């Protein structure tokens, strides 16, 4: 037991160093593969998006008018709700 087998020690040191090297290389390789896959996916998505974009068209004036009237009606509805809420608070406060 007191004798140290230097061949065994050297063998295990080499195995540990090789495992560390392979582990680090494997991590770098995996990172490279992940980045490559992300770039490929992003490139495919951008090509798909470019193909689906239609040329700009002139806006329909009727739609623009309906949007403004819709916004006005929403604002009126919101103001009405706020008024109802305020009256309810006053009623509860004076009751």
PDB file of N, CA and C in Angstrom:
ATOM      1  N   UNK A   1       0.808  -1.195   0.000  1.00  0.00           N
ATOM      2  CA  UNK A   1       0.000   0.000   0.000  1.00  0.00           C
ATOM      3  C   UNK A   1       0.854   1.264   0.000  1.00  0.00           C
ATOM      4  N   UNK A   2       2.004   1.194   0.548  1.00  0.00           N
ATOM      5  CA  UNK A   2       2.858   2.364   0.625  1.00  0.00           C
ATOM      6  C   UNK A   2       3.486   2.710  -0.713  1.00  0.00           C
ATOM      7  N   UNK A   3       3.536   1.752  -1.606  1.00  0.00           N
ATOM      8  CA  UNK A   3       4.125   2.034  -2.903  1.00  0.00           C
ATOM      9  C   UNK A   3       3.107   2.740  -3.792  1.00  0.00           C
ATOM     10  N   UNK A   4       3.562   3.771  -4.464  1.00  0.00           N
ATOM     11  CA  UNK A   4       2.709   4.527  -5.383  1.00  0.00           C
ATOM     12  C   UNK A   4       3.010   4.034  -6.787  1.00  0.00           C
ATOM     13  N   UNK A   5       1.987   3.620  -7.484  1.00  0.00           N
ATOM     14  CA  UNK A   5       2.140   3.160  -8.858  1.00  0.00           C
ATOM     15  C   UNK A   5       2.020   4.384  -9.767  1.00  0.00           C
ATOM     16  N   UNK A   6       3.157   4.883 -10.235  1.00  0.00           N
ATOM     17  CA  UNK A   6       3.180   6.104 -11.024  1.00  0.00           C
ATOM     18  C   UNK A   6       2.469   5.937 -12.364  1.00  0.00           C
ATOM     19  N   UNK A   7       2.465   4.742 -12.882  1.00  0.00           N
ATOM     20  CA  UNK A   7       1.763   4.510 -14.138  1.00  0.00           C
ATOM     21  C   UNK A   7       0.252   4.727 -13.952  1.00  0.00           C
ATOM     22  N   UNK A   8      -0.277   4.245 -12.839  1.00  0.00           N
ATOM     23  CA  UNK A   8      -1.703   4.428 -12.547  1.00  0.00           C
ATOM     24  C   UNK A   8      -2.025   5.914 -12.365  1.00  0.00           C
ATOM     25  N   UNK A   9      -1.166   6.639 -11.656  1.00  0.00           N
ATOM     26  CA  UNK A   9      -1.385   8.061 -11.415  1.00  0.00           C
ATOM     27  C   UNK A   9      -1.371   8.819 -12.728  1.00  0.00           C
ATOM     28  N   UNK A  10      -0.379   8.545 -13.571  1.00  0.00           N
ATOM     29  CA  UNK A  10      -0.270   9.240 -14.861  1.00  0.00           C
ATOM     30  C   UNK A  10      -1.477   8.897 -15.738  1.00  0.00           C
ATOM     31  N   UNK A  11      -1.883   7.630 -15.722  1.00  0.00           N
ATOM     32  CA  UNK A  11      -3.044   7.214 -16.519  1.00  0.00           C
ATOM     33  C   UNK A  11      -4.292   7.990 -16.096  1.00  0.00           C
ATOM     34  N   UNK A  12      -4.544   8.122 -14.788  1.00  0.00           N
ATOM     35  CA  UNK A  12      -5.730   8.830 -14.309  1.00  0.00           C
ATOM     36  C   UNK A  12      -5.640  10.336 -14.545  1.00  0.00           C
ATOM     37  N   UNK A  13      -4.456  10.897 -14.447  1.00  0.00           N
ATOM     38  CA  UNK A  13      -4.290  12.330 -14.734  1.00  0.00           C
ATOM     39  C   UNK A  13      -4.610  12.586 -16.203  1.00  0.00           C
ATOM     40  N   UNK A  14      -4.118  11.741 -17.079  1.00  0.00           N
ATOM     41  CA  UNK A  14      -4.396  11.899 -18.511  1.00  0.00           C
ATOM     42  C   UNK A  14      -5.889  11.724 -18.784  1.00  0.00           C
ATOM     43  N   UNK A  15      -6.529  10.758 -18.134  1.00  0.00           N
ATOM     44  CA  UNK A  15      -7.972  10.544 -18.326  1.00  0.00           C
ATOM     45  C   UNK A  15      -8.762  11.765 -17.869  1.00  0.00           C
ATOM     46  N   UNK A  16      -8.415  12.345 -16.723  1.00  0.00           N
ATOM     47  CA  UNK A  16      -9.131  13.519 -16.205  1.00  0.00           C
ATOM     48  C   UNK A  16      -8.928  14.717 -17.122  1.00  0.00           C
ATOM     49  N   UNK A  17      -7.704  14.933 -17.600  1.00  0.00           N
ATOM     50  CA  UNK A  17      -7.424  16.059 -18.508  1.00  0.00           C
ATOM     51  C   UNK A  17      -8.185  15.862 -19.821  1.00  0.00           C
ATOM     52  N   UNK A  18      -8.190  14.633 -20.346  1.00  0.00           N
ATOM     53  CA  UNK A  18      -8.909  14.363 -21.593  1.00  0.00           C
ATOM     54  C   UNK A  18     -10.409  14.570 -21.409  1.00  0.00           C
ATOM     55  N   UNK A  19     -10.947  14.138 -20.272  1.00  0.00           N
ATOM     56  CA  UNK A  19     -12.380  14.323 -20.015  1.00  0.00           C
ATOM     57  C   UNK A  19     -12.721  15.810 -19.921  1.00  0.00           C
ATOM     58  N   UNK A  20     -11.882  16.581 -19.272  1.00  0.00           N
ATOM     59  CA  UNK A  20     -12.112  18.029 -19.187  1.00  0.00           C
ATOM     60  C   UNK A  20     -12.065  18.679 -20.553  1.00  0.00           C
ATOM     61  N   UNK A  21     -11.087  18.281 -21.365  1.00  0.00           N
ATOM     62  CA  UNK A  21     -10.970  18.834 -22.718  1.00  0.00           C
ATOM     63  C   UNK A  21     -12.201  18.491 -23.541  1.00  0.00           C
ATOM     64  N   UNK A  22     -12.621  17.225 -23.494  1.00  0.00           N
ATOM     65  CA  UNK A  22     -13.802  16.813 -24.251  1.00  0.00           C
ATOM     66  C   UNK A  22     -15.066  17.501 -23.742  1.00  0.00           C
ATOM     67  N   UNK A  23     -15.151  17.694 -22.437  1.00  0.00           N
ATOM     68  CA  UNK A  23     -16.307  18.384 -21.879  1.00  0.00           C
ATOM     69  C   UNK A  23     -16.394  19.816 -22.353  1.00  0.00           C
ATOM     70  N   UNK A  24     -15.263  20.513 -22.334  1.00  0.00           N
ATOM     71  CA  UNK A  24     -15.241  21.903 -22.786  1.00  0.00           C
ATOM     72  C   UNK A  24     -15.512  21.985 -24.281  1.00  0.00           C
ATOM     73  N   UNK A  25     -14.896  21.091 -25.047  1.00  0.00           N
ATOM     74  CA  UNK A  25     -15.119  21.074 -26.486  1.00  0.00           C
ATOM     75  C   UNK A  25     -16.581  20.760 -26.792  1.00  0.00           C
ATOM     76  N   UNK A  26     -17.156  19.829 -26.066  1.00  0.00           N
ATOM     77  CA  UNK A  26     -18.558  19.473 -26.266  1.00  0.00           C
ATOM     78  C   UNK A  26     -19.485  20.636 -25.972  1.00  0.00           C
ATOM     79  N   UNK A  27     -19.176  21.396 -24.932  1.00  0.00           N
ATOM     80  CA  UNK A  27     -19.996  22.562 -24.584  1.00  0.00           C
ATOM     81  C   UNK A  27     -19.908  23.612 -25.684  1.00  0.00           C
ATOM     82  N   UNK A  28     -18.701  23.875 -26.158  1.00  0.00           N
ATOM     83  CA  UNK A  28     -18.519  24.856 -27.237  1.00  0.00           C
ATOM     84  C   UNK A  28     -19.217  24.399 -28.512  1.00  0.00           C
ATOM     85  N   UNK A  29     -19.113  23.119 -28.809  1.00  0.00           N
ATOM     86  CA  UNK A  29     -19.744  22.590 -30.009  1.00  0.00           C
ATOM     87  C   UNK A  29     -21.266  22.680 -29.906  1.00  0.00           C
ATOM     88  N   UNK A  30     -21.811  22.373 -28.744  1.00  0.00           N
ATOM     89  CA  UNK A  30     -23.254  22.463 -28.545  1.00  0.00           C
ATOM     90  C   UNK A  30     -23.725  23.908 -28.685  1.00  0.00           C
ATOM     91  N   UNK A  31     -22.971  24.850 -28.129  1.00  0.00           N
ATOM     92  CA  UNK A  31     -23.309  26.274 -28.254  1.00  0.00           C
ATOM     93  C   UNK A  31     -23.290  26.694 -29.719  1.00  0.00           C
ATOM     94  N   UNK A  32     -22.286  26.226 -30.459  1.00  0.00           N
ATOM     95  CA  UNK A  32     -22.189  26.542 -31.882  1.00  0.00           C
ATOM     96  C   UNK A  32     -23.405  26.000 -32.634  1.00  0.00           C
ATOM     97  N   UNK A  33     -23.787  24.748 -32.342  1.00  0.00           N
ATOM     98  CA  UNK A  33     -24.934  24.152 -33.028  1.00  0.00           C
ATOM     99  C   UNK A  33     -26.229  24.889 -32.711  1.00  0.00           C
ATOM    100  N   UNK A  34     -26.401  25.310 -31.469  1.00  0.00           N
ATOM    101  CA  UNK A  34     -27.608  26.039 -31.076  1.00  0.00           C
ATOM    102  C   UNK A  34     -27.678  27.382 -31.799  1.00  0.00           C
ATOM    103  N   UNK A  35     -26.570  28.103 -31.836  1.00  0.00           N
ATOM    104  CA  UNK A  35     -26.546  29.400 -32.526  1.00  0.00           C
ATOM    105  C   UNK A  35     -26.820  29.230 -34.017  1.00  0.00           C
ATOM    106  N   UNK A  36     -26.253  28.199 -34.614  1.00  0.00           N
ATOM    107  CA  UNK A  36     -26.471  27.936 -36.037  1.00  0.00           C
ATOM    108  C   UNK A  36     -27.941  27.642 -36.311  1.00  0.00           C
ATOM    109  N   UNK A  37     -28.568  26.869 -35.438  1.00  0.00           N
ATOM    110  CA  UNK A  37     -29.985  26.554 -35.608  1.00  0.00           C
ATOM    111  C   UNK A  37     -30.847  27.809 -35.447  1.00  0.00           C
ATOM    112  N   UNK A  38     -30.502  28.663 -34.486  1.00  0.00           N
ATOM    113  CA  UNK A  38     -31.268  29.911 -34.289  1.00  0.00           C
ATOM    114  C   UNK A  38     -31.157  30.816 -35.504  1.00  0.00           C
ATOM    115  N   UNK A  39     -29.934  30.951 -36.066  1.00  0.00           N
ATOM    116  CA  UNK A  39     -29.745  31.795 -37.248  1.00  0.00           C
ATOM    117  C   UNK A  39     -30.528  31.243 -38.428  1.00  0.00           C
ATOM    118  N   UNK A  40     -30.498  29.927 -38.587  1.00  0.00           N
ATOM    119  CA  UNK A  40     -31.220  29.299 -39.692  1.00  0.00           C
ATOM    120  C   UNK A  40     -32.721  29.528 -39.548  1.00  0.00           C
ATOM    121  N   UNK A  41     -33.220  29.401 -38.326  1.00  0.00           N
ATOM    122  CA  UNK A  41     -34.647  29.609 -38.065  1.00  0.00           C
ATOM    123  C   UNK A  41     -35.032  31.067 -38.313  1.00  0.00           C
ATOM    124  N   UNK A  42     -34.193  32.000 -37.858  1.00  0.00           N
ATOM    125  CA  UNK A  42     -34.478  33.423 -38.055  1.00  0.00           C
ATOM    126  C   UNK A  42     -34.443  33.779 -39.536  1.00  0.00           C
ATOM    127  N   UNK A  43     -33.506  33.202 -40.267  1.00  0.00           N
ATOM    128  CA  UNK A  43     -33.397  33.473 -41.696  1.00  0.00           C
ATOM    129  C   UNK A  43     -34.633  32.954 -42.428  1.00  0.00           C
ATOM    130  N   UNK A  44     -35.075  31.752 -42.071  1.00  0.00           N
ATOM    131  CA  UNK A  44     -36.267  31.182 -42.695  1.00  0.00           C
ATOM    132  C   UNK A  44     -37.503  32.026 -42.374  1.00  0.00           C
ATOM    133  N   UNK A  45     -37.593  32.500 -41.141  1.00  0.00           N
ATOM    134  CA  UNK A  45     -38.742  33.327 -40.751  1.00  0.00           C
ATOM    135  C   UNK A  45     -38.732  34.652 -41.501  1.00  0.00           C
ATOM    136  N   UNK A  46     -37.559  35.243 -41.667  1.00  0.00           N
ATOM    137  CA  UNK A  46     -37.488  36.526 -42.378  1.00  0.00           C
ATOM    138  C   UNK A  46     -37.833  36.351 -43.856  1.00  0.00           C
ATOM    139  N   UNK A  47     -37.411  35.235 -44.453  1.00  0.00           N
ATOM    140  CA  UNK A  47     -37.775  34.980 -45.847  1.00  0.00           C
ATOM    141  C   UNK A  47     -39.284  34.792 -45.980  1.00  0.00           C
ATOM    142  N   UNK A  48     -39.874  34.089 -45.032  1.00  0.00           N
ATOM    143  CA  UNK A  48     -41.319  33.865 -45.065  1.00  0.00           C
ATOM    144  C   UNK A  48     -42.060  35.193 -44.905  1.00  0.00           C
ATOM    145  N   UNK A  49     -41.547  36.041 -44.000  1.00  0.00           N
ATOM    146  CA  UNK A  49     -42.175  37.330 -43.764  1.00  0.00           C
ATOM    147  C   UNK A  49     -42.060  38.226 -44.986  1.00  0.00           C
ATOM    148  N   UNK A  50     -40.900  38.224 -45.653  1.00  0.00           N
ATOM    149  CA  UNK A  50     -40.716  39.046 -46.842  1.00  0.00           C
ATOM    150  C   UNK A  50     -41.661  38.621 -47.954  1.00  0.00           C
ATOM    151  N   UNK A  51     -41.908  37.339 -48.060  1.00  0.00           N
ATOM    152  CA  UNK A  51     -42.804  36.840 -49.100  1.00  0.00           C
ATOM    153  C   UNK A  51     -44.256  37.176 -48.826  1.00  0.00           C
ATOM    154  N   UNK A  52     -44.622  37.362 -47.571  1.00  0.00           N
ATOM    155  CA  UNK A  52     -46.023  37.600 -47.234  1.00  0.00           C
ATOM    156  C   UNK A  52     -46.381  39.081 -47.187  1.00  0.00           C
ATOM    157  N   UNK A  53     -45.407  39.966 -47.261  1.00  0.00           N
ATOM    158  CA  UNK A  53     -45.696  41.403 -47.201  1.00  0.00           C
ATOM    159  C   UNK A  53     -46.237  41.846 -48.555  1.00  0.00           C
ATOM    160  N   UNK A  54     -47.392  42.469 -48.523  1.00  0.00           N
ATOM    161  CA  UNK A  54     -48.001  42.963 -49.749  1.00  0.00           C
ATOM    162  C   UNK A  54     -47.623  44.430 -49.930  1.00  0.00           C
ATOM    163  N   UNK A  55     -47.674  44.897 -51.157  1.00  0.00           N
ATOM    164  CA  UNK A  55     -47.332  46.303 -51.385  1.00  0.00           C
ATOM    165  C   UNK A  55     -48.344  47.209 -50.684  1.00  0.00           C
ATOM    166  N   UNK A  56     -47.912  48.373 -50.261  1.00  0.00           N
ATOM    167  CA  UNK A  56     -48.822  49.267 -49.537  1.00  0.00           C
ATOM    168  C   UNK A  56     -49.957  49.742 -50.438  1.00  0.00           C
ATOM    169  N   UNK A  57     -51.129  49.826 -49.861  1.00  0.00           N
ATOM    170  CA  UNK A  57     -52.293  50.306 -50.599  1.00  0.00           C
ATOM    171  C   UNK A  57     -52.788  51.574 -49.937  1.00  0.00           C
ATOM    172  N   UNK A  58     -53.579  52.323 -50.684  1.00  0.00           N
ATOM    173  CA  UNK A  58     -54.110  53.552 -50.113  1.00  0.00           C
ATOM    174  C   UNK A  58     -55.207  53.206 -49.115  1.00  0.00           C
ATOM    175  N   UNK A  59     -55.252  53.930 -48.001  1.00  0.00           N
ATOM    176  CA  UNK A  59     -56.276  53.633 -46.997  1.00  0.00           C
ATOM    177  C   UNK A  59     -57.663  53.993 -47.518  1.00  0.00           C
ATOM    178  N   UNK A  60     -58.634  53.236 -47.094  1.00  0.00           N
ATOM    179  CA  UNK A  60     -60.018  53.465 -47.472  1.00  0.00           C
ATOM    180  C   UNK A  60     -60.562  54.605 -46.614  1.00  0.00           C
ATOM    181  N   UNK A  61     -61.028  55.693 -47.211  1.00  0.00           N
ATOM    182  CA  UNK A  61     -61.518  56.827 -46.406  1.00  0.00           C
ATOM    183  C   UNK A  61     -62.724  56.473 -45.547  1.00  0.00           C
ATOM    184  N   UNK A  62     -63.559  55.531 -46.002  1.00  0.00           N
ATOM    185  CA  UNK A  62     -64.709  55.126 -45.191  1.00  0.00           C
ATOM    186  C   UNK A  62     -64.248  54.435 -43.909  1.00  0.00           C
ATOM    187  N   UNK A  63     -63.183  53.642 -44.027  1.00  0.00           N
ATOM    188  CA  UNK A  63     -62.666  52.957 -42.844  1.00  0.00           C
ATOM    189  C   UNK A  63     -62.068  53.962 -41.862  1.00  0.00           C
ATOM    190  N   UNK A  64     -61.374  54.969 -42.369  1.00  0.00           N
ATOM    191  CA  UNK A  64     -60.801  55.993 -41.500  1.00  0.00           C
ATOM    192  C   UNK A  64     -61.901  56.734 -40.752  1.00  0.00           C
ATOM    193  N   UNK A  65     -63.005  57.023 -41.430  1.00  0.00           N
ATOM    194  CA  UNK A  65     -64.109  57.717 -40.773  1.00  0.00           C
ATOM    195  C   UNK A  65     -64.753  56.821 -39.715  1.00  0.00           C
ATOM    196  N   UNK A  66     -64.899  55.539 -40.041  1.00  0.00           N
ATOM    197  CA  UNK A  66     -65.518  54.651 -39.064  1.00  0.00           C
ATOM    198  C   UNK A  66     -64.613  54.481 -37.841  1.00  0.00           C
ATOM    199  N   UNK A  67     -63.295  54.523 -38.061  1.00  0.00           N
ATOM    200  CA  UNK A  67     -62.364  54.432 -36.933  1.00  0.00           C
ATOM    201  C   UNK A  67     -62.517  55.630 -35.999  1.00  0.00           C
ATOM    202  N   UNK A  68     -62.665  56.821 -36.570  1.00  0.00           N
ATOM    203  CA  UNK A  68     -62.807  58.003 -35.726  1.00  0.00           C
ATOM    204  C   UNK A  68     -64.141  58.000 -34.992  1.00  0.00           C
ATOM    205  N   UNK A  69     -65.194  57.585 -35.682  1.00  0.00           N
ATOM    206  CA  UNK A  69     -66.497  57.544 -35.006  1.00  0.00           C
ATOM    207  C   UNK A  69     -66.496  56.457 -33.941  1.00  0.00           C
ATOM    208  N   UNK A  70     -65.789  55.366 -34.209  1.00  0.00           N
ATOM    209  CA  UNK A  70     -65.691  54.304 -33.213  1.00  0.00           C
ATOM    210  C   UNK A  70     -64.924  54.804 -31.986  1.00  0.00           C
ATOM    211  N   UNK A  71     -63.864  55.555 -32.215  1.00  0.00           N
ATOM    212  CA  UNK A  71     -63.090  56.091 -31.100  1.00  0.00           C
ATOM    213  C   UNK A  71     -63.925  57.087 -30.299  1.00  0.00           C
ATOM    214  N   UNK A  72     -64.714  57.889 -31.004  1.00  0.00           N
ATOM    215  CA  UNK A  72     -65.575  58.848 -30.305  1.00  0.00           C
ATOM    216  C   UNK A  72     -66.620  58.131 -29.466  1.00  0.00           C
ATOM    217  N   UNK A  73     -67.203  57.081 -30.022  1.00  0.00           N
ATOM    218  CA  UNK A  73     -68.228  56.364 -29.269  1.00  0.00           C
ATOM    219  C   UNK A  73     -67.610  55.685 -28.048  1.00  0.00           C
ATOM    220  N   UNK A  74     -66.395  55.180 -28.181  1.00  0.00           N
ATOM    221  CA  UNK A  74     -65.723  54.575 -27.036  1.00  0.00           C
ATOM    222  C   UNK A  74     -65.458  55.615 -25.955  1.00  0.00           C
ATOM    223  N   UNK A  75     -65.037  56.810 -26.375  1.00  0.00           N
ATOM    224  CA  UNK A  75     -64.766  57.877 -25.413  1.00  0.00           C
ATOM    225  C   UNK A  75     -66.052  58.294 -24.693  1.00  0.00           C
ATOM    226  N   UNK A  76     -67.146  58.390 -25.441  1.00  0.00           N
ATOM    227  CA  UNK A  76     -68.426  58.747 -24.831  1.00  0.00           C
ATOM    228  C   UNK A  76     -68.879  57.680 -23.837  1.00  0.00           C
ATOM    229  N   UNK A  77     -68.679  56.416 -24.212  1.00  0.00           N
ATOM    230  CA  UNK A  77     -69.060  55.322 -23.331  1.00  0.00           C
ATOM    231  C   UNK A  77     -68.229  55.348 -22.052  1.00  0.00           C
ATOM    232  N   UNK A  78     -66.942  55.616 -22.200  1.00  0.00           N
ATOM    233  CA  UNK A  78     -66.059  55.686 -21.036  1.00  0.00           C
ATOM    234  C   UNK A  78     -66.461  56.836 -20.120  1.00  0.00           C
ATOM    235  N   UNK A  79     -66.786  57.985 -20.718  1.00  0.00           N
ATOM    236  CA  UNK A  79     -67.200  59.135 -19.921  1.00  0.00           C
ATOM    237  C   UNK A  79     -68.512  58.834 -19.191  1.00  0.00           C
ATOM    238  N   UNK A  80     -69.427  58.139 -19.866  1.00  0.00           N
ATOM    239  CA  UNK A  80     -70.693  57.769 -19.236  1.00  0.00           C
ATOM    240  C   UNK A  80     -70.481  56.849 -18.051  1.00  0.00           C
ATOM    241  N   UNK A  81     -69.580  55.883 -18.203  1.00  0.00           N
ATOM    242  CA  UNK A  81     -69.285  54.967 -17.104  1.00  0.00           C
ATOM    243  C   UNK A  81     -68.665  55.711 -15.922  1.00  0.00           C
ATOM    244  N   UNK A  82     -67.789  56.661 -16.235  1.00  0.00           N
ATOM    245  CA  UNK A  82     -67.160  57.437 -15.166  1.00  0.00           C
ATOM    246  C   UNK A  82     -68.202  58.264 -14.425  1.00  0.00           C
ATOM    247  N   UNK A  83     -69.167  58.828 -15.146  1.00  0.00           N
ATOM    248  CA  UNK A  83     -70.223  59.624 -14.530  1.00  0.00           C
ATOM    249  C   UNK A  83     -71.100  58.759 -13.620  1.00  0.00           C
ATOM    250  N   UNK A  84     -71.438  57.551 -14.095  1.00  0.00           N
ATOM    251  CA  UNK A  84     -72.243  56.636 -13.281  1.00  0.00           C
ATOM    252  C   UNK A  84     -71.488  56.265 -12.012  1.00  0.00           C
ATOM    253  N   UNK A  85     -70.212  56.019 -12.142  1.00  0.00           N
ATOM    254  CA  UNK A  85     -69.391  55.648 -10.990  1.00  0.00           C
ATOM    255  C   UNK A  85     -69.321  56.802  -9.988  1.00  0.00           C
ATOM    256  N   UNK A  86     -69.167  58.028 -10.490  1.00  0.00           N
ATOM    257  CA  UNK A  86     -69.091  59.199  -9.622  1.00  0.00           C
ATOM    258  C   UNK A  86     -70.412  59.403  -8.879  1.00  0.00           C
ATOM    259  N   UNK A  87     -71.528  59.249  -9.586  1.00  0.00           N
ATOM    260  CA  UNK A  87     -72.833  59.410  -8.935  1.00  0.00           C
ATOM    261  C   UNK A  87     -73.032  58.346  -7.861  1.00  0.00           C
ATOM    262  N   UNK A  88     -72.585  57.132  -8.139  1.00  0.00           N
ATOM    263  CA  UNK A  88     -72.723  56.048  -7.161  1.00  0.00           C
ATOM    264  C   UNK A  88     -71.902  56.356  -5.901  1.00  0.00           C
ATOM    265  N   UNK A  89     -70.702  56.886  -6.097  1.00  0.00           N
ATOM    266  CA  UNK A  89     -69.867  57.248  -4.937  1.00  0.00           C
ATOM    267  C   UNK A  89     -70.523  58.334  -4.113  1.00  0.00           C
ATOM    268  N   UNK A  90     -71.079  59.348  -4.793  1.00  0.00           N
ATOM    269  CA  UNK A  90     -71.741  60.437  -4.071  1.00  0.00           C
ATOM    270  C   UNK A  90     -72.954  59.906  -3.308  1.00  0.00           C
ATOM    271  N   UNK A  91     -73.702  59.017  -3.937  1.00  0.00           N
ATOM    272  CA  UNK A  91     -74.888  58.453  -3.296  1.00  0.00           C
ATOM    273  C   UNK A  91     -74.497  57.677  -2.054  1.00  0.00           C
ATOM    274  N   UNK A  92     -73.443  56.861  -2.151  1.00  0.00           N
ATOM    275  CA  UNK A  92     -72.972  56.069  -1.018  1.00  0.00           C
ATOM    276  C   UNK A  92     -72.415  56.971   0.082  1.00  0.00           C
ATOM    277  N   UNK A  93     -71.798  58.062  -0.294  1.00  0.00           N
ATOM    278  CA  UNK A  93     -71.187  58.956   0.671  1.00  0.00           C
ATOM    279  C   UNK A  93     -72.239  59.692   1.489  1.00  0.00           C
ATOM    280  N   UNK A  94     -73.335  60.074   0.850  1.00  0.00           N
ATOM    281  CA  UNK A  94     -74.360  60.844   1.550  1.00  0.00           C
ATOM    282  C   UNK A  94     -75.424  59.942   2.172  1.00  0.00           C
ATOM    283  N   UNK A  95     -75.355  58.670   1.986  1.00  0.00           N
ATOM    284  CA  UNK A  95     -76.362  57.773   2.561  1.00  0.00           C
ATOM    285  C   UNK A  95     -76.090  57.460   4.002  1.00  0.00           C
TER     286      UNK A  95
END
